Protein backbone atom coordinates (compact mmCIF):
# COMPACT_ATOMS: atom_id res chain seq x y z
CA MET A 1 13.13 -5.75 24.71
CA ILE A 2 11.38 -5.22 21.24
CA ASP A 3 9.43 -2.35 20.53
CA VAL A 4 5.93 -3.18 18.92
CA PRO A 5 4.64 -0.15 17.56
CA LYS A 6 0.90 1.02 19.26
CA LEU A 7 -1.36 2.33 16.71
CA GLU A 8 -4.73 3.37 16.24
CA THR A 9 -5.91 1.49 13.53
CA ILE A 10 -4.03 -1.57 13.40
CA GLU A 11 -2.98 -4.15 16.22
CA ILE A 12 0.02 -5.39 15.74
CA THR A 13 0.80 -9.36 17.66
CA LEU A 14 4.17 -10.07 17.57
CA PHE A 15 4.73 -14.06 18.42
CA ASP A 16 7.94 -15.64 20.18
CA THR A 17 8.29 -17.85 16.70
CA GLY A 18 8.96 -14.05 14.54
CA VAL A 19 5.60 -14.29 13.14
CA VAL A 20 3.59 -10.59 13.10
CA GLU A 21 0.13 -10.74 12.85
CA ILE A 22 -0.76 -6.56 11.49
CA ALA A 23 -4.47 -6.52 11.80
CA HIS A 24 -7.37 -3.54 10.32
CA ASN A 25 -8.48 -2.64 13.93
CA ARG A 26 -11.50 -0.85 13.35
CA PRO A 27 -14.30 -3.64 14.05
CA LYS A 28 -16.88 -1.11 14.36
CA ARG A 29 -16.49 0.35 10.99
CA TYR A 30 -16.26 -3.02 9.44
CA ASN A 31 -12.69 -2.03 8.87
CA ALA A 32 -12.81 0.95 6.67
CA LEU A 33 -9.32 2.90 5.80
CA SER A 34 -9.45 6.78 6.91
CA PRO A 35 -5.96 8.55 5.84
CA GLN A 36 -5.07 7.61 9.68
CA SER A 37 -5.67 3.78 8.50
CA TYR A 38 -3.14 4.10 5.72
CA LYS A 39 -0.42 5.75 7.76
CA ASP A 40 -0.63 3.12 10.34
CA TRP A 41 -0.55 0.88 7.57
CA LEU A 42 2.24 1.95 6.08
CA THR A 43 4.21 2.16 9.50
CA ALA A 44 3.47 -1.51 10.56
CA LEU A 45 4.96 -2.64 7.33
CA GLN A 46 7.59 -0.43 7.39
CA TRP A 47 8.99 -1.83 11.10
CA ALA A 48 8.21 -5.25 10.06
CA ALA A 49 10.25 -4.81 7.36
CA LYS A 50 13.03 -3.44 9.66
CA GLU A 51 12.48 -5.74 12.84
CA ASP A 52 15.37 -8.61 13.01
CA ALA A 53 12.76 -10.70 15.18
CA VAL A 54 10.17 -10.66 11.87
CA LYS A 55 10.27 -13.35 10.42
CA VAL A 56 6.54 -14.24 8.98
CA THR A 57 4.14 -11.39 8.49
CA VAL A 58 0.23 -11.95 8.71
CA LEU A 59 -2.33 -9.54 7.47
CA THR A 60 -5.73 -9.70 8.38
CA GLY A 61 -8.73 -8.34 10.14
CA ARG A 62 -10.30 -8.13 13.35
CA GLY A 63 -14.36 -8.58 13.35
CA LYS A 64 -16.22 -9.36 10.50
CA TYR A 65 -14.83 -8.06 7.72
CA TYR A 66 -11.34 -7.80 6.99
CA SER A 67 -11.60 -4.36 5.13
CA SER A 68 -14.43 -2.75 4.07
CA GLY A 69 -12.07 -0.28 1.64
CA GLN A 70 -11.56 3.67 1.42
CA GLU A 71 -14.11 5.32 3.87
CA LEU A 72 -16.36 7.52 2.72
CA VAL A 73 -17.16 10.54 4.39
CA LEU A 74 -18.90 13.42 2.52
CA THR A 75 -17.92 17.12 4.34
CA ASP A 76 -20.66 19.93 3.95
CA ALA A 77 -17.68 21.78 1.92
CA ASP A 78 -17.40 20.50 -1.41
CA GLU A 79 -13.71 21.85 -1.73
CA GLU A 80 -12.82 20.74 1.78
CA GLU A 81 -13.81 17.30 0.62
CA LEU A 82 -11.84 17.25 -2.29
CA ASP A 83 -8.81 18.58 -0.19
CA ARG A 84 -8.80 15.32 2.17
CA ARG A 85 -9.24 13.28 -0.45
CA ARG A 86 -6.23 14.72 -2.89
CA ALA A 87 -4.60 14.32 0.93
CA THR A 88 -5.67 10.11 0.93
CA THR A 89 -3.35 9.20 -1.94
CA HIS A 90 -0.16 10.22 -0.47
CA ASN A 91 0.14 6.75 1.98
CA PRO A 92 -1.78 4.68 -0.40
CA ARG A 93 1.24 4.85 -2.57
CA ASN A 94 3.77 3.92 0.27
CA VAL A 95 1.61 1.55 1.49
CA VAL A 96 1.64 -0.50 -2.20
CA SER A 97 5.07 0.54 -2.56
CA GLU A 98 6.26 -1.01 0.17
CA MET A 99 4.23 -4.19 -0.61
CA ILE A 100 5.31 -4.29 -3.64
CA ARG A 101 9.72 -4.21 -2.18
CA PHE A 102 8.48 -6.19 1.15
CA PRO A 103 11.28 -8.42 2.32
CA LYS A 104 9.28 -10.99 4.47
CA LEU A 105 7.22 -13.74 3.63
CA LEU A 106 3.96 -11.86 3.61
CA ILE A 107 0.67 -14.06 3.84
CA GLY A 108 -3.20 -12.71 3.48
CA ALA A 109 -5.40 -14.38 6.01
CA VAL A 110 -8.73 -12.69 4.76
CA ASN A 111 -11.19 -13.38 7.44
CA GLY A 112 -14.50 -11.79 5.76
CA PRO A 113 -15.26 -9.18 3.13
CA SER A 114 -12.89 -7.53 1.63
CA ILE A 115 -13.57 -4.59 -0.42
CA GLY A 116 -11.62 -2.07 -2.67
CA PHE A 117 -7.91 -1.16 -1.54
CA GLY A 118 -8.29 -4.34 1.08
CA THR A 119 -8.69 -6.41 -2.06
CA THR A 120 -6.15 -4.55 -4.54
CA THR A 121 -3.82 -5.24 -2.11
CA LEU A 122 -4.40 -8.57 -1.51
CA ALA A 123 -2.24 -9.40 -4.73
CA LEU A 124 1.00 -8.20 -3.44
CA CYS A 125 0.68 -10.98 -1.19
CA ASP A 126 2.55 -14.15 -1.33
CA VAL A 127 0.03 -16.45 -0.41
CA VAL A 128 -3.22 -15.63 0.44
CA TYR A 129 -5.40 -17.54 2.73
CA SER A 130 -9.82 -16.93 3.14
CA THR A 131 -12.57 -17.76 4.78
CA PRO A 132 -15.38 -19.38 2.81
CA GLU A 133 -17.80 -17.03 3.36
CA ALA A 134 -15.61 -14.01 2.70
CA THR A 135 -16.00 -11.90 -0.68
CA PHE A 136 -14.03 -9.45 -2.73
CA SER A 137 -15.43 -6.92 -4.81
CA THR A 138 -13.93 -3.44 -6.18
CA PRO A 139 -16.88 -0.97 -6.54
CA PHE A 140 -14.58 1.77 -8.39
CA MET A 141 -16.92 2.37 -11.15
CA LYS A 142 -19.88 2.75 -9.02
CA LEU A 143 -17.60 5.34 -7.26
CA GLY A 144 -16.52 7.02 -10.04
CA PHE A 145 -12.81 6.02 -9.52
CA CYS A 146 -10.31 3.56 -10.67
CA ALA A 147 -8.69 0.59 -10.84
CA GLU A 148 -5.76 0.74 -7.33
CA GLY A 149 -3.12 -1.27 -5.86
CA CYS A 150 -1.45 -2.18 -9.49
CA SER A 151 -4.79 -4.27 -10.02
CA SER A 152 -4.96 -2.99 -13.92
CA VAL A 153 -1.63 -5.70 -14.17
CA LEU A 154 -1.59 -8.08 -11.74
CA PHE A 155 -5.22 -8.67 -11.50
CA PRO A 156 -5.62 -9.83 -15.16
CA ARG A 157 -1.97 -11.53 -14.75
CA ILE A 158 -3.96 -13.92 -11.96
CA MET A 159 -7.20 -14.26 -12.49
CA GLY A 160 -7.08 -13.81 -16.45
CA SER A 161 -8.53 -10.97 -18.53
CA SER A 162 -12.27 -10.96 -18.96
CA ARG A 163 -12.58 -12.29 -14.97
CA ALA A 164 -10.31 -9.35 -13.54
CA ASN A 165 -12.50 -6.64 -15.82
CA GLU A 166 -15.51 -8.35 -14.17
CA MET A 167 -14.68 -7.48 -11.31
CA LEU A 168 -12.72 -4.12 -12.00
CA LEU A 169 -14.77 -2.77 -14.55
CA LEU A 170 -18.13 -4.39 -13.49
CA GLY A 171 -17.67 -4.64 -10.11
CA ARG A 172 -19.01 -7.92 -9.26
CA THR A 173 -18.37 -9.36 -6.21
CA PHE A 174 -16.56 -12.85 -6.25
CA THR A 175 -16.68 -15.39 -3.83
CA ALA A 176 -14.13 -16.69 -1.55
CA LYS A 177 -14.52 -20.29 -3.75
CA GLU A 178 -14.24 -18.23 -7.31
CA MET A 179 -11.61 -16.61 -6.04
CA VAL A 180 -9.57 -19.96 -5.56
CA ASP A 181 -10.75 -21.73 -8.82
CA CYS A 182 -8.96 -18.63 -10.38
CA GLY A 183 -6.03 -18.52 -8.52
CA PHE A 184 -5.92 -15.12 -6.20
CA VAL A 185 -6.60 -17.34 -3.04
CA SER A 186 -4.57 -20.38 -2.37
CA ARG A 187 -7.24 -22.09 -0.37
CA LEU A 188 -9.61 -22.21 1.93
CA ILE A 189 -9.87 -22.50 5.59
CA GLU A 190 -12.94 -23.15 7.36
CA SER A 191 -13.57 -19.70 9.87
CA GLU A 192 -13.68 -21.70 13.32
CA SER A 193 -10.02 -22.17 13.30
CA PHE A 194 -8.94 -19.86 10.40
CA ARG A 195 -6.77 -17.93 12.85
CA GLN A 196 -5.55 -20.65 14.64
CA LYS A 197 -5.06 -22.47 10.91
CA VAL A 198 -2.96 -19.49 9.49
CA LEU A 199 -0.42 -18.68 12.23
CA GLU A 200 0.30 -22.96 12.48
CA ILE A 201 1.40 -21.99 8.59
CA ALA A 202 3.24 -19.42 9.37
CA ASN A 203 5.22 -20.50 12.44
CA GLU A 204 6.04 -23.45 10.39
CA ALA A 205 7.27 -21.58 7.51
CA ALA A 206 9.04 -19.24 10.72
CA GLN A 207 11.72 -21.74 11.07
CA PHE A 208 13.09 -21.44 7.47
CA SER A 209 15.51 -19.74 6.68
CA VAL A 210 14.83 -15.70 6.24
CA GLU A 211 17.52 -14.90 3.91
CA ALA A 212 16.51 -18.20 1.77
CA VAL A 213 12.85 -16.49 1.61
CA LYS A 214 14.13 -13.33 0.95
CA THR A 215 16.67 -14.51 -2.31
CA THR A 216 13.64 -16.22 -3.43
CA LYS A 217 11.55 -13.42 -2.99
CA GLN A 218 13.52 -11.59 -5.11
CA LEU A 219 13.89 -13.92 -7.97
CA ILE A 220 10.17 -14.15 -7.85
CA ARG A 221 9.23 -10.21 -7.31
CA GLY A 222 12.56 -9.01 -8.68
CA VAL A 223 11.64 -8.78 -12.72
CA ASP A 224 8.98 -6.73 -11.78
CA ILE A 225 9.47 -4.42 -9.24
CA LYS A 226 10.55 -1.55 -11.25
CA LEU A 227 7.28 -2.44 -13.41
CA LEU A 228 4.66 -2.01 -10.26
CA GLU A 229 6.26 0.68 -9.01
CA GLN A 230 5.47 2.54 -12.62
CA VAL A 231 2.00 1.10 -12.35
CA ASN A 232 1.90 1.97 -8.70
CA ALA A 233 2.16 5.60 -9.68
CA GLU A 234 0.17 6.34 -12.41
CA GLU A 235 -2.99 4.72 -11.09
CA ILE A 236 -2.31 6.91 -7.96
CA LYS A 237 -2.19 9.96 -10.52
CA ALA A 238 -5.13 8.44 -12.55
CA LEU A 239 -6.99 8.07 -8.89
CA LYS A 240 -6.48 11.50 -7.57
CA GLY A 241 -7.26 12.59 -11.29
CA ARG A 242 -10.74 10.83 -10.75
CA MET A 243 -11.05 11.35 -6.72
CA GLU A 244 -11.14 15.54 -7.67
CA SER A 245 -13.77 14.67 -10.55
CA PRO A 246 -17.49 16.34 -10.39
CA ASP A 247 -18.18 12.97 -11.39
CA SER A 248 -16.86 10.86 -8.93
CA LEU A 249 -18.49 13.12 -6.36
CA GLU A 250 -21.33 13.01 -7.38
CA SER A 251 -21.30 8.81 -7.84
CA ILE A 252 -20.21 8.90 -3.86
CA MET A 253 -22.68 10.97 -2.95
CA LYS A 254 -25.08 8.98 -4.85
CA PHE A 255 -23.43 5.54 -3.31
CA ILE A 256 -23.84 7.20 0.34
CA GLU A 257 -27.78 8.14 0.02
CA GLU A 258 -28.61 4.43 -1.22
CA THR A 259 -26.42 2.78 1.45
CA LYS A 260 -28.32 5.23 3.76
CA ARG A 261 -31.76 3.86 2.17
CA LYS A 262 -30.96 0.45 2.41
CA LYS A 263 -29.48 0.65 6.02
CA LYS A 264 -32.78 2.05 6.92
CA ASN A 265 -35.59 -0.07 5.01
CA LYS A 266 -33.92 -2.67 6.61
CA ALA A 267 -33.85 -1.43 10.64
CA LYS A 268 -37.65 -1.44 9.77
CA LEU A 269 -37.50 -4.88 9.40
């Protein structure tokens, strides 16, 4: 009997074929990433990497969103909020490190909008599929944050410098088709059959030699591992500094107030 972890914010589904689905499972919160989410995500990845029954891993989301990124919660005490945000950077760094070194085939299955850390970490997957309706964004400048998830290196490499900067520095939201056109997403799969089709692809890949996949992944990613680990460390250090800055706290407060106003106006319609 295989012991599959039961987690608070992540749903793990292991199929007989050797495919495991790791799904962000906070649909009512649009799969926003809380400190517990990062902890669970890390636990799920570590388990999948070590479990012999797992041959292929699929990352996806439950509900309408893939992930809405970092959960923004402000407390009454600014210092309390800063302490919470300082602690938040530890597990994201470890999640990125685990994805950099993940030994098995890792498929990103973007079932809906992807924001922030949800988007940046997709560049660490081996293959990314998306529904046509999904969107991709990294609103770091609006929040006073900075690039993370190795996006400062991988986004320009994958998307080209100008388009990467348009996303990372200007905060433009990209459509799924645009992400296919720039090579970030492999191809689009219709929403109605998205999960089924992705699992079919994963099931077929699960028939391959796991050792052959590991060897080829090492050849593809091996030359970059030290570089990406260094970039990850530098980005997290910079992100921690940004999170502790007064202008970032002010930016977040403005962002939250703007979001509240939009929801209120929408409710009036």
